[in-house]
PDB file of N, CA and C in Angstrom:
ATOM      1  N   LYS A   1     135.304  93.030  31.591  1.00  0.00           N
ATOM      2  CA  LYS A   1     135.655  93.844  30.230  1.00  0.00           C
ATOM      3  C   LYS A   1     135.710  92.396  29.368  1.00  0.00           C
ATOM      4  N   LEU A   2     135.184  92.826  28.293  1.00  0.00           N
ATOM      5  CA  LEU A   2     135.036  91.911  26.619  1.00  0.00           C
ATOM      6  C   LEU A   2     136.307  91.813  26.131  1.00  0.00           C
ATOM      7  N   GLY A   3     137.102  93.023  25.897  1.00  0.00           N
ATOM      8  CA  GLY A   3     137.707  93.193  25.133  1.00  0.00           C
ATOM      9  C   GLY A   3     137.357  93.195  23.600  1.00  0.00           C
ATOM     10  N   TYR A   4     138.579  93.484  22.972  1.00  0.00           N
ATOM     11  CA  TYR A   4     137.806  94.077  21.133  1.00  0.00           C
ATOM     12  C   TYR A   4     137.363  92.643  20.630  1.00  0.00           C
ATOM     13  N   GLU A   5     138.053  91.778  20.888  1.00  0.00           N
ATOM     14  CA  GLU A   5     137.378  90.799  20.171  1.00  0.00           C
ATOM     15  C   GLU A   5     136.344  89.479  20.786  1.00  0.00           C
ATOM     16  N   GLY A   6     135.678  89.820  22.284  1.00  0.00           N
ATOM     17  CA  GLY A   6     134.811  89.531  22.338  1.00  0.00           C
ATOM     18  C   GLY A   6     133.768  90.361  22.465  1.00  0.00           C
ATOM     19  N   TRP A   7     134.350  91.575  22.520  1.00  0.00           N
ATOM     20  CA  TRP A   7     132.574  93.044  21.733  1.00  0.00           C
ATOM     21  C   TRP A   7     132.634  92.111  20.388  1.00  0.00           C
ATOM     22  N   ARG A   8     133.585  92.263  19.683  1.00  0.00           N
ATOM     23  CA  ARG A   8     133.516  92.538  17.978  1.00  0.00           C
ATOM     24  C   ARG A   8     132.364  90.796  17.857  1.00  0.00           C
ATOM     25  N   ASP A   9     132.409  89.646  18.738  1.00  0.00           N
ATOM     26  CA  ASP A   9     132.534  88.409  18.342  1.00  0.00           C
ATOM     27  C   ASP A   9     130.473  88.286  19.563  1.00  0.00           C
ATOM     28  N   LYS A  10     130.045  89.543  20.633  1.00  0.00           N
ATOM     29  CA  LYS A  10     129.078  89.651  20.918  1.00  0.00           C
ATOM     30  C   LYS A  10     128.843  90.239  20.262  1.00  0.00           C
ATOM     31  N   TYR A  11     129.113  91.160  19.863  1.00  0.00           N
ATOM     32  CA  TYR A  11     127.707  92.399  18.421  1.00  0.00           C
ATOM     33  C   TYR A  11     127.782  91.516  17.255  1.00  0.00           C
ATOM     34  N   LYS A  12     128.739  90.748  16.654  1.00  0.00           N
ATOM     35  CA  LYS A  12     128.622  90.105  15.637  1.00  0.00           C
ATOM     36  C   LYS A  12     129.061  91.814  14.149  1.00  0.00           C
ATOM     37  N   TYR A  13     130.126  92.303  15.058  1.00  0.00           N
ATOM     38  CA  TYR A  13     130.667  93.292  14.380  1.00  0.00           C
ATOM     39  C   TYR A  13     131.614  93.037  13.111  1.00  0.00           C
ATOM     40  N   GLY A  14     131.235  93.390  11.701  1.00  0.00           N
ATOM     41  CA  GLY A  14     131.919  93.029  10.934  1.00  0.00           C
ATOM     42  C   GLY A  14     131.749  91.925   9.847  1.00  0.00           C
ATOM     43  N   ASN A  15     129.921  91.984  10.261  1.00  0.00           N
ATOM     44  CA  ASN A  15     129.005  90.955   9.098  1.00  0.00           C
ATOM     45  C   ASN A  15     128.695  92.586   8.491  1.00  0.00           C
ATOM     46  N   ARG A  16     128.529  93.883   8.803  1.00  0.00           N
ATOM     47  CA  ARG A  16     127.258  94.727   8.028  1.00  0.00           C
ATOM     48  C   ARG A  16     128.546  95.059   6.688  1.00  0.00           C
ATOM     49  N   TRP A  17     129.398  94.348   5.910  1.00  0.00           N
ATOM     50  CA  TRP A  17     129.893  94.546   5.169  1.00  0.00           C
ATOM     51  C   TRP A  17     129.455  93.879   4.191  1.00  0.00           C
ATOM     52  N   ALA A  18     128.523  92.175   4.570  1.00  0.00           N
ATOM     53  CA  ALA A  18     128.269  91.686   3.784  1.00  0.00           C
ATOM     54  C   ALA A  18     126.807  92.042   3.445  1.00  0.00           C
ATOM     55  N   VAL A  19     126.277  92.455   4.288  1.00  0.00           N
ATOM     56  CA  VAL A  19     124.840  93.177   4.063  1.00  0.00           C
ATOM     57  C   VAL A  19     125.235  94.372   3.642  1.00  0.00           C
ATOM     58  N   GLU A  20     125.993  95.322   3.363  1.00  0.00           N
ATOM     59  CA  GLU A  20     125.951  95.996   2.560  1.00  0.00           C
ATOM     60  C   GLU A  20     126.557  95.935   1.106  1.00  0.00           C
ATOM     61  N   THR A  21     126.903  95.152   1.012  1.00  0.00           N
ATOM     62  CA  THR A  21     127.492  94.839  -0.776  1.00  0.00           C
ATOM     63  C   THR A  21     126.202  94.541  -0.979  1.00  0.00           C
ATOM     64  N   PHE A  22     125.292  93.616  -0.502  1.00  0.00           N
ATOM     65  CA  PHE A  22     124.131  93.097  -0.790  1.00  0.00           C
ATOM     66  C   PHE A  22     122.726  93.920  -1.139  1.00  0.00           C
ATOM     67  N   PHE A  23     122.530  95.078  -0.649  1.00  0.00           N
ATOM     68  CA  PHE A  23     121.796  96.326  -0.727  1.00  0.00           C
ATOM     69  C   PHE A  23     122.449  96.693  -1.766  1.00  0.00           C
ATOM     70  N   SER A  24     123.631  97.223  -1.835  1.00  0.00           N
ATOM     71  CA  SER A  24     124.587  97.364  -3.566  1.00  0.00           C
ATOM     72  C   SER A  24     124.524  96.988  -4.706  1.00  0.00           C
ATOM     73  N   GLY A  25     124.356  95.855  -4.335  1.00  0.00           N
ATOM     74  CA  GLY A  25     124.451  95.134  -5.417  1.00  0.00           C
ATOM     75  C   GLY A  25     122.810  94.918  -6.210  1.00  0.00           C
ATOM     76  N   VAL A  26     122.002  94.802  -5.253  1.00  0.00           N
ATOM     77  CA  VAL A  26     120.522  95.375  -5.882  1.00  0.00           C
ATOM     78  C   VAL A  26     120.088  96.882  -5.948  1.00  0.00           C
ATOM     79  N   LYS A  27     120.774  97.406  -5.334  1.00  0.00           N
ATOM     80  CA  LYS A  27     120.748  98.850  -5.951  1.00  0.00           C
ATOM     81  C   LYS A  27     121.259  99.207  -7.696  1.00  0.00           C
ATOM     82  N   ARG A  28     122.686  98.572  -7.740  1.00  0.00           N
ATOM     83  CA  ARG A  28     123.097  98.425  -9.022  1.00  0.00           C
ATOM     84  C   ARG A  28     121.842  97.763  -9.953  1.00  0.00           C
ATOM     85  N   MET A  29     121.547  96.561  -9.597  1.00  0.00           N
ATOM     86  CA  MET A  29     120.575  96.148 -10.513  1.00  0.00           C
ATOM     87  C   MET A  29     119.418  96.507 -10.655  1.00  0.00           C
ATOM     88  N   PHE A  30     118.773  96.806  -9.765  1.00  0.00           N
ATOM     89  CA  PHE A  30     117.295  97.895 -10.077  1.00  0.00           C
ATOM     90  C   PHE A  30     116.901  99.247  -9.970  1.00  0.00           C
ATOM     91  N   GLY A  31     117.660  99.333  -9.672  1.00  0.00           N
ATOM     92  CA  GLY A  31     118.166 101.502  -9.303  1.00  0.00           C
ATOM     93  C   GLY A  31     117.700 101.685  -7.452  1.00  0.00           C
ATOM     94  N   GLU A  32     118.044 102.687  -7.590  1.00  0.00           N
ATOM     95  CA  GLU A  32     117.758 103.217  -5.525  1.00  0.00           C
ATOM     96  C   GLU A  32     116.667 103.668  -5.405  1.00  0.00           C
ATOM     97  N   THR A  33     115.761 104.010  -6.628  1.00  0.00           N
ATOM     98  CA  THR A  33     113.942 104.225  -6.047  1.00  0.00           C
ATOM     99  C   THR A  33     112.602 102.961  -6.696  1.00  0.00           C
ATOM    100  N   THR A  34     111.927 103.346  -5.896  1.00  0.00           N
ATOM    101  CA  THR A  34     110.488 102.448  -6.200  1.00  0.00           C
ATOM    102  C   THR A  34     110.013 103.385  -6.610  1.00  0.00           C
ATOM    103  N   LYS A  35     108.895 102.624  -7.479  1.00  0.00           N
ATOM    104  CA  LYS A  35     107.971 102.965  -8.405  1.00  0.00           C
ATOM    105  C   LYS A  35     106.461 103.082  -7.750  1.00  0.00           C
ATOM    106  N   ALA A  36     106.120 102.362  -6.115  1.00  0.00           N
ATOM    107  CA  ALA A  36     105.064 102.097  -5.200  1.00  0.00           C
ATOM    108  C   ALA A  36     104.982 104.083  -4.400  1.00  0.00           C
ATOM    109  N   ASN A  37     103.588 103.882  -3.930  1.00  0.00           N
ATOM    110  CA  ASN A  37     103.694 105.052  -3.573  1.00  0.00           C
ATOM    111  C   ASN A  37     103.124 104.965  -2.213  1.00  0.00           C
ATOM    112  N   THR A  38     102.304 103.651  -1.816  1.00  0.00           N
ATOM    113  CA  THR A  38     102.331 103.733  -0.307  1.00  0.00           C
ATOM    114  C   THR A  38     103.180 103.110  -0.020  1.00  0.00           C
ATOM    115  N   VAL A  39     103.286 102.912   1.624  1.00  0.00           N
ATOM    116  CA  VAL A  39     104.216 102.455   2.522  1.00  0.00           C
ATOM    117  C   VAL A  39     104.425 100.617   2.133  1.00  0.00           C
ATOM    118  N   GLU A  40     102.875  99.872   2.230  1.00  0.00           N
ATOM    119  CA  GLU A  40     102.751  98.806   1.756  1.00  0.00           C
ATOM    120  C   GLU A  40     103.070  98.217   0.718  1.00  0.00           C
ATOM    121  N   GLY A  41     103.117  99.121  -0.474  1.00  0.00           N
ATOM    122  CA  GLY A  41     103.291  98.767  -2.079  1.00  0.00           C
ATOM    123  C   GLY A  41     105.094  98.764  -1.738  1.00  0.00           C
ATOM    124  N   ILE A  42     105.452 100.137  -1.367  1.00  0.00           N
ATOM    125  CA  ILE A  42     107.366 100.136  -1.033  1.00  0.00           C
ATOM    126  C   ILE A  42     107.639  98.784  -0.599  1.00  0.00           C
ATOM    127  N   PHE A  43     106.942  98.253   0.354  1.00  0.00           N
ATOM    128  CA  PHE A  43     107.835  96.995   1.749  1.00  0.00           C
ATOM    129  C   PHE A  43     107.499  95.897   0.243  1.00  0.00           C
ATOM    130  N   GLN A  44     106.408  95.757  -0.386  1.00  0.00           N
ATOM    131  CA  GLN A  44     106.070  94.418  -1.275  1.00  0.00           C
ATOM    132  C   GLN A  44     107.114  94.797  -2.383  1.00  0.00           C
ATOM    133  N   GLU A  45     107.453  95.659  -3.122  1.00  0.00           N
ATOM    134  CA  GLU A  45     109.251  96.062  -3.831  1.00  0.00           C
ATOM    135  C   GLU A  45     109.546  96.004  -3.826  1.00  0.00           C
ATOM    136  N   VAL A  46     110.288  95.904  -2.898  1.00  0.00           N
ATOM    137  CA  VAL A  46     111.349  95.623  -2.469  1.00  0.00           C
ATOM    138  C   VAL A  46     112.062  94.088  -1.838  1.00  0.00           C
ATOM    139  N   LYS A  47     110.504  93.759  -0.998  1.00  0.00           N
ATOM    140  CA  LYS A  47     111.081  92.150  -0.879  1.00  0.00           C
ATOM    141  C   LYS A  47     110.504  91.488  -2.315  1.00  0.00           C
ATOM    142  N   LEU A  48     110.336  92.262  -3.098  1.00  0.00           N
ATOM    143  CA  LEU A  48     110.281  91.204  -4.478  1.00  0.00           C
ATOM    144  C   LEU A  48     111.617  91.225  -5.646  1.00  0.00           C
ATOM    145  N   LYS A  49     112.540  92.882  -5.075  1.00  0.00           N
ATOM    146  CA  LYS A  49     113.319  92.843  -5.752  1.00  0.00           C
ATOM    147  C   LYS A  49     114.613  92.192  -4.910  1.00  0.00           C
ATOM    148  N   PHE A  50     114.410  92.152  -3.712  1.00  0.00           N
ATOM    149  CA  PHE A  50     115.619  91.056  -2.298  1.00  0.00           C
ATOM    150  C   PHE A  50     115.125  89.559  -3.577  1.00  0.00           C
ATOM    151  N   LEU A  51     113.851  89.606  -3.341  1.00  0.00           N
ATOM    152  CA  LEU A  51     113.802  87.527  -3.900  1.00  0.00           C
ATOM    153  C   LEU A  51     114.056  87.356  -5.559  1.00  0.00           C
ATOM    154  N   LEU A  52     114.004  88.107  -5.855  1.00  0.00           N
ATOM    155  CA  LEU A  52     114.428  88.279  -7.480  1.00  0.00           C
ATOM    156  C   LEU A  52     116.029  88.269  -7.748  1.00  0.00           C
ATOM    157  N   TYR A  53     116.445  89.118  -6.846  1.00  0.00           N
ATOM    158  CA  TYR A  53     118.082  89.300  -7.128  1.00  0.00           C
ATOM    159  C   TYR A  53     118.595  88.107  -6.254  1.00  0.00           C
ATOM    160  N   ASN A  54     118.174  87.662  -4.907  1.00  0.00           N
ATOM    161  CA  ASN A  54     118.690  86.294  -4.596  1.00  0.00           C
ATOM    162  C   ASN A  54     118.442  84.957  -5.739  1.00  0.00           C
ATOM    163  N   MET A  55     117.141  84.943  -6.498  1.00  0.00           N
ATOM    164  CA  MET A  55     117.796  84.193  -6.895  1.00  0.00           C
ATOM    165  C   MET A  55     118.470  83.756  -8.993  1.00  0.00           C
ATOM    166  N   LEU A  56     118.069  85.545  -8.829  1.00  0.00           N
ATOM    167  CA  LEU A  56     119.663  85.403  -9.860  1.00  0.00           C
ATOM    168  C   LEU A  56     120.957  84.968  -9.142  1.00  0.00           C
ATOM    169  N   LEU A  57     121.223  85.248  -8.432  1.00  0.00           N
ATOM    170  CA  LEU A  57     122.763  85.151  -7.122  1.00  0.00           C
ATOM    171  C   LEU A  57     122.418  83.298  -7.456  1.00  0.00           C
ATOM    172  N   SER A  58     121.507  83.089  -7.251  1.00  0.00           N
ATOM    173  CA  SER A  58     122.092  81.639  -7.042  1.00  0.00           C
ATOM    174  C   SER A  58     121.793  80.924  -8.569  1.00  0.00           C
ATOM    175  N   VAL A  59     121.561  81.090  -9.628  1.00  0.00           N
ATOM    176  CA  VAL A  59     121.648  80.236 -10.899  1.00  0.00           C
ATOM    177  C   VAL A  59     123.353  80.260 -10.982  1.00  0.00           C
TER     178      VAL A  59
END
């Protein structure tokens, strides 16, 4: 049995807040919807939003 700390470390529990914070920032900056209609277009649009958001954070 791992115990709480072993389980937490093994499954990286507690790291989700950083991802949720990132998604929240992207959605606040660019909105929650996409303009693209195809799956490929949506993927490209979201990828570009993530790239732009990361660039703005690094300035």
